[in-house]
Amino acid sequence: MSYKNEAASIIENIGGKENIKSVSHCATRLRFVVKNKSKVNGKKIEANQDVIKFLESGGQEQVVIGPKVDSVYDAVIDQLGDEFADGVVDEDHSAEDLSSAKAKGFSFNNLINQIFSVMQATFTPILPAMAGVGLIKALAITLTGFKLFSDKAPTILILNGIYNAFFYFLPIIISVSMAKKFKVDTFIAATIGAALLEPTMIMKLIGVKGTTFFGIPFQMQNYSSTVFPALIAIPIYAWLYKLLKKHIANNYHTLVIPFVCIFLMVPFVILVIGPVAVGLGDLISSAITSLFGVAPIIAGLLLGALWEILVTFGLHWAIMPIVISDISTKGSDQILSCAGVATWACMGIAFALLIKAKDDPELKSVMGAAIIPVLFAGITEPIVYGALLRYKKCMAYTMIAGAIGGAITAVVGTKITVMFFSILSLQTSINWVQGLVAGLITLVIAFVLVLVFGYKSNGKENAKD
């Protein structure tokens, strides 16, 4: 199916090609970085029948499309040109961003928005790969669970190796993804991340007392599967890279910039950033773990109730590094396990609306199309923007059901071991049967609330919005 006309309409109402700096996309949204926000006509974009919602978030103009976003994105790039794809823009774009940020004076709100934008741009591209290795892990668990293979069978070792490799080399993956966001050399960033994982250096230095680098004492850490060192190091590398590029003659860029960046950044991470980042991550994780230990019901209730709101406004990106760090270092995470019940609540809303919205074919169509993505990939955006943000009752039902389900999940101690929600990966969780029961309870509560109390504020389900 061609989306040529839809793409042309979106480009026109985003302000035209001349107003676009770059375009990227996630699982459900087109993400535009534009030069002048005043030229964007969000209402006309939402009038497009293939658009679920238009919103501004993280410094981007986001067009929520749903599962067919790939096709629409390809159509947009066909008309714009490959130079706009995946954030690839003209060479002076980074300098333009820096001058714009300086003009804003780095206010607290601007700083927070920039942090969320960086988190979003860093983790969104790696989530598909993370989902892929999660399903591979689910396959390995299923094969051993049904006694088709033993735990030590070569097939299982390879499947587990694929999953483990992703998280072991996470510092490299994060470094590359973040470097793309800052539009600096990704291979230098990858080298910085890779240097932290060099096995000989780690084995010979870790646990050794009195180690120094040019006389500076330090204690070696194991940086495999870590998240925070790269998250802190790469922005500093990006600043250094752009500074050197600005002040060093072009003839010496290839020789000087890589050497200086790598020589300065790797020791700086090992001596300063690494210990601080690892300690910070451990502190945050311990605080959340303590909350679950002292008041699990409150922790689960808040996460389940507020998760879809956090996702809607992109605030969940502040929590995702902690979740990923817990899975990669501890092997499991309880935060996303409790928050994930909101996905079950969204399913309940969607199933109920298929019955309740009998005189609203457009809503039924959106909900019907949303069932498969949410079941098999945990994608809730079509439900969020098609129902929760259109009908306040639906959002309230999701929060009520999510709160109850989150509290139950926390009490029974369900923890996820893969960063991916799917009915195919449920069995990978710790106490997964109890977690499944909590999820089904959440689904049923949301489903019943819609059927009993309706989804429109005036109670007239057949009325036009």
Protein backbone atom coordinates (compact mmCIF):
# COMPACT_ATOMS: atom_id res chain seq x y z
CA MET A 1 0.00 0.00 0.00
CA SER A 2 1.28 3.48 -0.93
CA TYR A 3 1.35 6.27 1.64
CA LYS A 4 2.54 8.93 -0.80
CA ASN A 5 -0.42 11.27 -0.27
CA GLU A 6 -0.37 10.84 3.51
CA ALA A 7 3.35 11.61 3.61
CA ALA A 8 2.91 14.70 1.43
CA SER A 9 0.16 15.98 3.73
CA ILE A 10 2.28 15.47 6.85
CA ILE A 11 5.31 17.19 5.29
CA GLU A 12 3.18 20.14 4.14
CA ASN A 13 1.63 20.67 7.57
CA ILE A 14 4.89 20.19 9.44
CA GLY A 15 6.00 23.35 7.65
CA GLY A 16 7.35 21.94 4.41
CA LYS A 17 10.70 20.41 3.56
CA GLU A 18 12.50 23.68 4.24
CA ASN A 19 11.28 23.63 7.87
CA ILE A 20 12.52 20.09 8.60
CA LYS A 21 15.94 19.38 10.09
CA SER A 22 15.64 15.63 10.53
CA VAL A 23 13.15 12.77 10.75
CA SER A 24 13.32 9.55 12.73
CA HIS A 25 10.78 7.10 14.01
CA CYS A 26 10.15 4.64 16.83
CA ALA A 27 7.67 1.77 16.96
CA THR A 28 4.63 4.01 16.52
CA ARG A 29 5.68 7.61 15.92
CA LEU A 30 7.30 9.83 13.31
CA ARG A 31 9.65 12.22 15.11
CA PHE A 32 10.45 15.53 13.40
CA VAL A 33 13.04 18.06 14.47
CA VAL A 34 11.96 21.36 12.90
CA LYS A 35 13.48 24.83 12.51
CA ASN A 36 10.36 26.85 13.28
CA LYS A 37 7.61 25.35 15.44
CA SER A 38 5.18 28.14 14.55
CA LYS A 39 4.93 26.77 11.00
CA VAL A 40 3.63 23.40 12.24
CA ASN A 41 -0.13 22.84 11.93
CA GLY A 42 -0.91 20.07 14.40
CA LYS A 43 -4.67 20.14 13.80
CA LYS A 44 -4.32 19.52 10.07
CA ILE A 45 -1.82 16.74 10.74
CA GLU A 46 -4.33 15.05 13.09
CA ALA A 47 -7.00 15.36 10.38
CA ASN A 48 -5.03 12.81 8.33
CA GLN A 49 -6.91 9.49 8.59
CA ASP A 50 -3.67 7.58 9.20
CA VAL A 51 -2.64 9.82 12.11
CA ILE A 52 -3.77 8.85 15.60
CA LYS A 53 -2.36 11.88 17.44
CA PHE A 54 0.02 14.82 17.07
CA LEU A 55 2.04 16.09 20.02
CA GLU A 56 5.19 17.97 20.96
CA SER A 57 7.56 16.12 23.27
CA GLY A 58 11.28 16.13 23.99
CA GLY A 59 11.88 19.01 21.57
CA GLN A 60 10.32 17.01 18.73
CA GLU A 61 7.12 17.21 16.69
CA GLN A 62 5.74 13.68 17.05
CA VAL A 63 3.13 12.17 14.75
CA VAL A 64 1.59 9.03 16.24
CA ILE A 65 0.89 6.61 13.38
CA GLY A 66 0.77 3.17 14.95
CA PRO A 67 2.23 -0.11 13.65
CA LYS A 68 2.39 1.11 10.01
CA VAL A 69 4.79 3.91 10.94
CA ASP A 70 7.61 2.18 9.01
CA SER A 71 5.71 2.49 5.73
CA VAL A 72 4.72 6.11 6.31
CA TYR A 73 8.29 6.94 7.34
CA ASP A 74 9.66 5.42 4.11
CA ALA A 75 7.16 7.48 2.11
CA VAL A 76 8.23 10.65 3.96
CA ILE A 77 11.93 9.98 3.32
CA ASP A 78 11.21 9.20 -0.35
CA GLN A 79 9.88 12.75 -0.68
CA LEU A 80 12.41 14.51 1.56
CA GLY A 81 15.59 12.68 0.60
CA ASP A 82 17.92 10.34 2.48
CA GLU A 83 19.86 13.22 4.02
CA PHE A 84 16.95 13.79 6.41
CA ALA A 85 16.70 10.15 7.50
CA ASP A 86 17.52 9.05 11.05
CA GLY A 87 18.56 12.49 12.16
CA VAL A 88 21.21 12.93 9.44
CA VAL A 89 21.21 16.67 8.80
CA ASP A 90 23.52 19.36 7.45
CA GLU A 91 26.94 19.74 9.08
CA ASP A 92 26.17 22.97 10.95
CA HIS A 93 23.10 21.54 12.67
CA SER A 94 24.96 20.67 15.86
CA ALA A 95 26.41 24.15 16.12
CA GLU A 96 22.94 25.54 15.53
CA ASP A 97 21.59 23.44 18.39
CA LEU A 98 24.34 24.64 20.70
CA SER A 99 23.76 28.29 19.89
CA SER A 100 20.02 27.81 20.36
CA ALA A 101 20.61 26.23 23.76
CA LYS A 102 22.88 29.09 24.77
CA ALA A 103 20.21 31.57 23.72
CA LYS A 104 17.77 29.87 26.07
CA GLY A 105 20.23 30.35 28.93
CA PHE A 106 20.11 26.68 29.98
CA SER A 107 17.13 27.17 32.27
CA PHE A 108 16.15 24.31 34.56
CA ASN A 109 13.13 23.41 32.41
CA ASN A 110 15.22 23.52 29.26
CA LEU A 111 17.86 21.30 30.89
CA ILE A 112 15.23 18.74 31.94
CA ASN A 113 13.74 18.73 28.43
CA GLN A 114 17.19 18.18 26.93
CA ILE A 115 17.92 15.28 29.30
CA PHE A 116 14.63 13.57 28.42
CA SER A 117 15.26 14.18 24.73
CA VAL A 118 18.69 12.55 24.98
CA MET A 119 17.31 9.57 26.94
CA GLN A 120 14.55 9.11 24.38
CA ALA A 121 16.86 9.40 21.38
CA THR A 122 19.40 7.03 22.97
CA PHE A 123 17.13 4.17 24.01
CA THR A 124 14.43 4.25 21.31
CA PRO A 125 16.72 2.92 18.52
CA ILE A 126 18.02 0.02 20.64
CA LEU A 127 14.63 -1.19 21.91
CA PRO A 128 13.87 -3.34 18.81
CA ALA A 129 17.16 -5.23 19.27
CA MET A 130 16.44 -5.52 22.98
CA ALA A 131 12.99 -6.92 22.17
CA GLY A 132 14.56 -9.36 19.70
CA VAL A 133 17.03 -10.83 22.19
CA GLY A 134 14.21 -10.93 24.75
CA LEU A 135 12.17 -13.19 22.50
CA ILE A 136 15.24 -15.35 21.86
CA LYS A 137 15.62 -15.73 25.62
CA ALA A 138 11.92 -16.63 25.83
CA LEU A 139 12.46 -19.28 23.15
CA ALA A 140 15.39 -20.77 25.08
CA ILE A 141 13.33 -20.93 28.29
CA THR A 142 10.40 -22.50 26.45
CA LEU A 143 12.59 -25.17 24.81
CA THR A 144 14.19 -26.15 28.12
CA GLY A 145 10.89 -25.87 29.99
CA PHE A 146 9.30 -28.47 27.73
CA LYS A 147 12.43 -30.67 28.07
CA LEU A 148 13.17 -30.43 24.35
CA PHE A 149 16.75 -29.44 25.16
CA SER A 150 18.88 -29.57 28.29
CA ASP A 151 20.30 -26.42 29.84
CA LYS A 152 23.76 -27.39 28.60
CA ALA A 153 22.76 -28.23 25.01
CA PRO A 154 24.75 -26.26 22.39
CA THR A 155 21.52 -24.88 20.93
CA ILE A 156 20.50 -23.39 24.28
CA LEU A 157 24.01 -22.10 24.97
CA ILE A 158 23.97 -20.24 21.65
CA LEU A 159 20.50 -18.79 22.25
CA ASN A 160 21.45 -17.67 25.76
CA GLY A 161 24.74 -16.34 24.40
CA ILE A 162 22.88 -14.07 21.98
CA TYR A 163 20.83 -12.63 24.84
CA ASN A 164 23.80 -12.28 27.20
CA ALA A 165 25.96 -10.63 24.52
CA PHE A 166 23.53 -7.76 24.07
CA PHE A 167 23.68 -6.81 27.73
CA TYR A 168 27.39 -7.56 28.14
CA PHE A 169 28.24 -5.10 25.35
CA LEU A 170 25.57 -2.59 26.41
CA PRO A 171 28.15 0.18 27.04
CA ILE A 172 29.16 -0.01 23.37
CA ILE A 173 25.56 -0.09 22.13
CA ILE A 174 24.57 2.89 24.28
CA SER A 175 27.71 4.79 23.23
CA VAL A 176 26.92 4.37 19.54
CA SER A 177 23.26 5.29 19.93
CA MET A 178 24.04 8.38 22.00
CA ALA A 179 26.78 9.47 19.60
CA LYS A 180 24.22 9.44 16.79
CA LYS A 181 21.99 11.70 18.87
CA PHE A 182 24.84 14.19 19.36
CA LYS A 183 25.98 13.75 15.73
CA VAL A 184 29.59 12.94 16.53
CA ASP A 185 31.84 10.12 15.33
CA THR A 186 30.13 6.85 16.31
CA PHE A 187 33.28 4.75 15.88
CA ILE A 188 35.21 6.84 18.40
CA ALA A 189 32.25 6.49 20.78
CA ALA A 190 32.21 2.72 20.19
CA THR A 191 35.93 2.57 20.93
CA ILE A 192 35.44 4.41 24.23
CA GLY A 193 32.70 1.95 25.20
CA ALA A 194 34.72 -1.06 24.03
CA ALA A 195 37.82 -0.01 25.97
CA LEU A 196 35.84 -0.34 29.19
CA LEU A 197 35.19 -4.02 28.40
CA GLU A 198 38.72 -5.13 27.44
CA PRO A 199 39.00 -8.46 29.31
CA THR A 200 42.77 -8.55 29.88
CA MET A 201 42.80 -5.09 31.44
CA ILE A 202 39.82 -5.91 33.68
CA MET A 203 41.19 -9.29 34.84
CA LYS A 204 44.65 -7.91 35.65
CA LEU A 205 43.51 -4.72 37.39
CA ILE A 206 40.19 -5.43 39.10
CA GLY A 207 40.56 -5.97 42.83
CA VAL A 208 44.25 -4.96 42.75
CA LYS A 209 45.26 -2.41 45.38
CA GLY A 210 47.51 0.54 44.60
CA THR A 211 46.77 0.75 40.87
CA THR A 212 47.63 4.09 39.24
CA PHE A 213 47.42 5.75 35.83
CA PHE A 214 50.35 8.16 35.36
CA GLY A 215 50.53 8.35 39.14
CA ILE A 216 46.78 8.93 39.64
CA PRO A 217 45.32 6.21 41.91
CA PHE A 218 42.12 4.43 40.92
CA GLN A 219 40.15 1.26 41.56
CA MET A 220 39.20 -0.80 38.51
CA GLN A 221 35.52 -1.65 38.02
CA ASN A 222 33.79 -4.21 35.83
CA TYR A 223 31.83 -2.14 33.31
CA SER A 224 30.16 -4.96 31.40
CA SER A 225 26.37 -4.61 31.33
CA THR A 226 26.52 -1.11 32.85
CA VAL A 227 24.35 1.79 31.68
CA PHE A 228 25.28 4.97 33.54
CA PRO A 229 29.02 5.28 32.70
CA ALA A 230 28.24 5.56 28.97
CA LEU A 231 25.27 7.86 29.60
CA ILE A 232 27.57 10.30 31.41
CA ALA A 233 30.72 9.82 29.30
CA ILE A 234 29.37 10.23 25.77
CA PRO A 235 27.87 13.73 26.25
CA ILE A 236 31.28 14.84 27.57
CA TYR A 237 32.98 13.17 24.59
CA ALA A 238 30.52 14.94 22.24
CA TRP A 239 31.39 18.31 23.79
CA LEU A 240 35.13 17.57 23.48
CA TYR A 241 34.75 16.34 19.88
CA LYS A 242 32.92 19.49 18.77
CA LEU A 243 35.36 21.73 20.64
CA LEU A 244 38.35 20.11 18.92
CA LYS A 245 36.63 20.17 15.55
CA LYS A 246 36.01 23.88 15.93
CA HIS A 247 39.57 24.86 16.91
CA ILE A 248 41.75 22.36 15.01
CA ALA A 249 42.54 22.88 11.34
CA ASN A 250 40.68 20.57 8.95
CA ASN A 251 43.93 18.97 7.74
CA TYR A 252 44.58 17.57 11.22
CA HIS A 253 41.05 16.39 12.11
CA THR A 254 41.64 12.73 11.20
CA LEU A 255 44.95 12.56 13.07
CA VAL A 256 44.31 14.64 16.18
CA ILE A 257 40.62 14.38 17.11
CA PRO A 258 40.34 10.56 17.48
CA PHE A 259 43.63 10.36 19.43
CA VAL A 260 42.80 13.17 21.86
CA CYS A 261 39.20 12.02 22.42
CA ILE A 262 40.11 8.39 23.09
CA PHE A 263 43.26 9.16 25.09
CA LEU A 264 41.43 11.59 27.37
CA MET A 265 38.00 9.98 27.63
CA VAL A 266 38.85 6.34 28.43
CA PRO A 267 41.09 7.15 31.44
CA PHE A 268 38.62 9.86 32.53
CA VAL A 269 35.82 7.29 32.57
CA ILE A 270 37.94 4.74 34.47
CA LEU A 271 39.28 7.26 36.99
CA VAL A 272 36.28 9.55 37.52
CA ILE A 273 33.03 8.87 35.66
CA GLY A 274 32.92 5.10 36.10
CA PRO A 275 33.11 4.90 39.90
CA VAL A 276 30.68 7.82 40.30
CA ALA A 277 28.21 6.45 37.74
CA VAL A 278 28.28 2.91 39.11
CA GLY A 279 27.82 4.26 42.63
CA LEU A 280 24.93 6.48 41.52
CA GLY A 281 23.22 3.60 39.75
CA ASP A 282 23.64 1.34 42.76
CA LEU A 283 22.29 4.06 45.06
CA ILE A 284 19.15 4.65 42.98
CA SER A 285 18.54 0.95 42.53
CA SER A 286 19.01 0.32 46.27
CA ALA A 287 16.58 3.13 47.13
CA ILE A 288 13.88 1.68 44.87
CA THR A 289 14.56 -1.84 46.14
CA SER A 290 14.22 -0.55 49.70
CA LEU A 291 10.88 1.04 48.86
CA PHE A 292 9.65 -2.29 47.53
CA GLY A 293 10.96 -3.94 50.69
CA VAL A 294 9.33 -1.47 53.09
CA ALA A 295 6.11 -0.63 51.24
CA PRO A 296 5.70 -2.92 48.19
CA ILE A 297 1.99 -2.21 47.88
CA ILE A 298 2.53 1.56 47.67
CA ALA A 299 5.41 1.18 45.20
CA GLY A 300 3.46 -1.17 42.94
CA LEU A 301 0.28 0.88 43.22
CA LEU A 302 1.98 4.13 42.16
CA LEU A 303 3.86 2.53 39.27
CA GLY A 304 0.80 0.73 37.93
CA ALA A 305 -1.44 3.78 38.25
CA LEU A 306 0.90 6.39 36.77
CA TRP A 307 2.83 4.44 34.13
CA GLU A 308 0.71 5.29 31.07
CA ILE A 309 0.75 8.96 32.05
CA LEU A 310 4.53 8.83 32.35
CA VAL A 311 4.76 7.14 28.94
CA THR A 312 2.40 9.68 27.37
CA PHE A 313 4.61 12.59 28.39
CA GLY A 314 7.89 10.73 27.83
CA LEU A 315 8.77 10.87 31.53
CA HIS A 316 9.33 7.12 31.69
CA TRP A 317 12.73 7.62 30.03
CA ALA A 318 14.06 8.77 33.41
CA ILE A 319 13.26 5.31 34.80
CA MET A 320 14.31 3.12 31.86
CA PRO A 321 18.10 3.32 32.50
CA ILE A 322 17.49 1.99 36.03
CA VAL A 323 15.36 -0.86 34.68
CA ILE A 324 17.93 -1.81 32.04
CA SER A 325 20.73 -1.58 34.60
CA ASP A 326 18.87 -3.87 37.01
CA ILE A 327 18.27 -6.50 34.32
CA SER A 328 21.83 -6.39 33.02
CA THR A 329 23.52 -6.50 36.46
CA LYS A 330 21.03 -8.33 38.72
CA GLY A 331 19.24 -10.41 36.09
CA SER A 332 15.76 -9.11 36.95
CA ASP A 333 13.74 -5.97 37.62
CA GLN A 334 10.60 -5.31 39.66
CA ILE A 335 9.94 -1.71 38.57
CA LEU A 336 8.81 -2.47 35.02
CA SER A 337 7.06 -5.62 36.22
CA CYS A 338 4.70 -3.49 38.33
CA ALA A 339 4.45 -0.72 35.76
CA GLY A 340 3.79 -3.25 32.99
CA VAL A 341 0.34 -4.11 34.35
CA ALA A 342 -0.79 -0.85 32.74
CA THR A 343 -0.38 -2.70 29.43
CA TRP A 344 -2.92 -5.27 30.62
CA ALA A 345 -5.25 -2.41 31.58
CA CYS A 346 -4.93 -1.00 28.05
CA MET A 347 -5.84 -4.42 26.65
CA GLY A 348 -8.94 -4.46 28.82
CA ILE A 349 -9.94 -1.02 27.54
CA ALA A 350 -9.43 -2.07 23.92
CA PHE A 351 -11.42 -5.31 24.25
CA ALA A 352 -14.25 -3.47 26.03
CA LEU A 353 -14.43 -0.73 23.40
CA LEU A 354 -14.77 -3.34 20.67
CA ILE A 355 -18.07 -4.22 22.38
CA LYS A 356 -19.13 -0.88 23.82
CA ALA A 357 -18.34 1.40 20.87
CA LYS A 358 -20.73 -0.41 18.53
CA ASP A 359 -21.92 2.85 16.94
CA ASP A 360 -18.45 4.33 16.54
CA PRO A 361 -16.83 2.36 13.69
CA GLU A 362 -13.72 4.57 13.66
CA LEU A 363 -12.99 3.89 17.34
CA LYS A 364 -13.69 0.17 16.91
CA SER A 365 -11.33 0.08 13.93
CA VAL A 366 -8.51 1.73 15.89
CA MET A 367 -9.02 -0.60 18.87
CA GLY A 368 -9.22 -3.66 16.63
CA ALA A 369 -5.96 -2.74 14.94
CA ALA A 370 -4.35 -2.11 18.33
CA ILE A 371 -4.98 -5.59 19.76
CA ILE A 372 -2.20 -7.47 17.93
CA PRO A 373 0.58 -4.90 18.64
CA VAL A 374 -0.27 -4.72 22.34
CA LEU A 375 -0.53 -8.51 22.74
CA PHE A 376 2.65 -9.44 20.94
CA ALA A 377 4.83 -6.34 21.36
CA GLY A 378 3.39 -4.36 24.29
CA ILE A 379 2.76 -1.33 22.06
CA THR A 380 0.03 0.73 23.75
CA GLU A 381 0.22 4.05 21.85
CA PRO A 382 -2.77 3.35 19.54
CA ILE A 383 -4.90 2.65 22.64
CA VAL A 384 -3.47 5.60 24.58
CA TYR A 385 -4.06 8.14 21.82
CA GLY A 386 -7.11 6.46 20.35
CA ALA A 387 -8.99 6.10 23.64
CA LEU A 388 -7.26 7.12 26.88
CA LEU A 389 -6.53 10.70 25.85
CA ARG A 390 -9.85 11.09 24.04
CA TYR A 391 -11.99 9.83 26.90
CA LYS A 392 -11.07 10.80 30.45
CA LYS A 393 -13.00 7.87 31.86
CA CYS A 394 -10.78 5.42 29.97
CA MET A 395 -7.63 7.00 31.42
CA ALA A 396 -9.17 6.86 34.90
CA TYR A 397 -10.10 3.19 34.45
CA THR A 398 -6.55 2.41 33.33
CA MET A 399 -5.14 4.12 36.43
CA ILE A 400 -7.55 2.31 38.77
CA ALA A 401 -6.92 -1.11 37.22
CA GLY A 402 -3.18 -0.44 36.96
CA ALA A 403 -2.98 0.57 40.63
CA ILE A 404 -4.66 -2.64 41.77
CA GLY A 405 -2.62 -4.81 39.40
CA GLY A 406 0.64 -3.08 40.32
CA ALA A 407 0.02 -3.59 44.02
CA ILE A 408 -0.74 -7.29 43.48
CA THR A 409 2.36 -7.72 41.29
CA ALA A 410 4.57 -6.13 43.96
CA VAL A 411 3.15 -8.33 46.72
CA VAL A 412 3.60 -11.61 44.79
CA GLY A 413 7.16 -10.58 43.83
CA THR A 414 6.97 -10.93 40.07
CA LYS A 415 10.11 -9.64 38.32
CA ILE A 416 10.90 -9.38 34.63
CA THR A 417 14.15 -10.77 33.23
CA VAL A 418 13.80 -9.44 29.65
CA MET A 419 13.13 -5.87 28.52
CA PHE A 420 10.11 -6.74 26.43
CA PHE A 421 6.41 -7.32 27.00
CA SER A 422 4.73 -10.01 24.93
CA ILE A 423 2.39 -12.90 25.63
CA LEU A 424 5.23 -14.99 24.16
CA SER A 425 7.73 -13.88 26.82
CA LEU A 426 5.62 -14.06 29.99
CA GLN A 427 7.28 -17.28 31.14
CA THR A 428 10.68 -15.55 31.32
CA SER A 429 9.61 -13.61 34.42
CA ILE A 430 10.26 -14.68 38.01
CA ASN A 431 6.95 -15.83 39.57
CA TRP A 432 5.43 -15.45 36.13
CA VAL A 433 2.21 -17.37 36.91
CA GLN A 434 1.39 -14.99 39.77
CA GLY A 435 2.28 -12.10 37.48
CA LEU A 436 -0.01 -13.45 34.77
CA VAL A 437 -2.86 -13.69 37.27
CA ALA A 438 -2.21 -10.07 38.35
CA GLY A 439 -2.22 -8.99 34.71
CA LEU A 440 -5.48 -10.79 33.94
CA ILE A 441 -7.10 -9.26 37.03
CA THR A 442 -5.98 -5.85 35.77
CA LEU A 443 -7.41 -6.55 32.32
CA VAL A 444 -10.75 -7.71 33.72
CA ILE A 445 -11.09 -4.68 36.01
CA ALA A 446 -10.50 -2.23 33.14
CA PHE A 447 -12.81 -4.27 30.87
CA VAL A 448 -15.66 -4.32 33.40
CA LEU A 449 -15.31 -0.62 34.26
CA VAL A 450 -15.82 0.34 30.61
CA LEU A 451 -18.79 -1.99 30.18
CA VAL A 452 -20.50 -0.88 33.41
CA PHE A 453 -19.75 2.86 33.52
CA GLY A 454 -19.22 3.63 29.82
CA TYR A 455 -16.38 5.54 28.24
CA LYS A 456 -17.87 8.98 27.55
CA SER A 457 -18.13 11.61 30.24
CA ASN A 458 -21.78 12.36 29.48
CA GLY A 459 -22.64 8.65 29.53
CA LYS A 460 -24.19 8.85 26.04
CA GLU A 461 -22.20 6.23 24.23
CA ASN A 462 -23.93 6.73 20.94
CA ALA A 463 -23.36 10.47 20.85
CA LYS A 464 -20.84 12.01 18.48
CA ASP A 465 -17.77 13.56 20.09
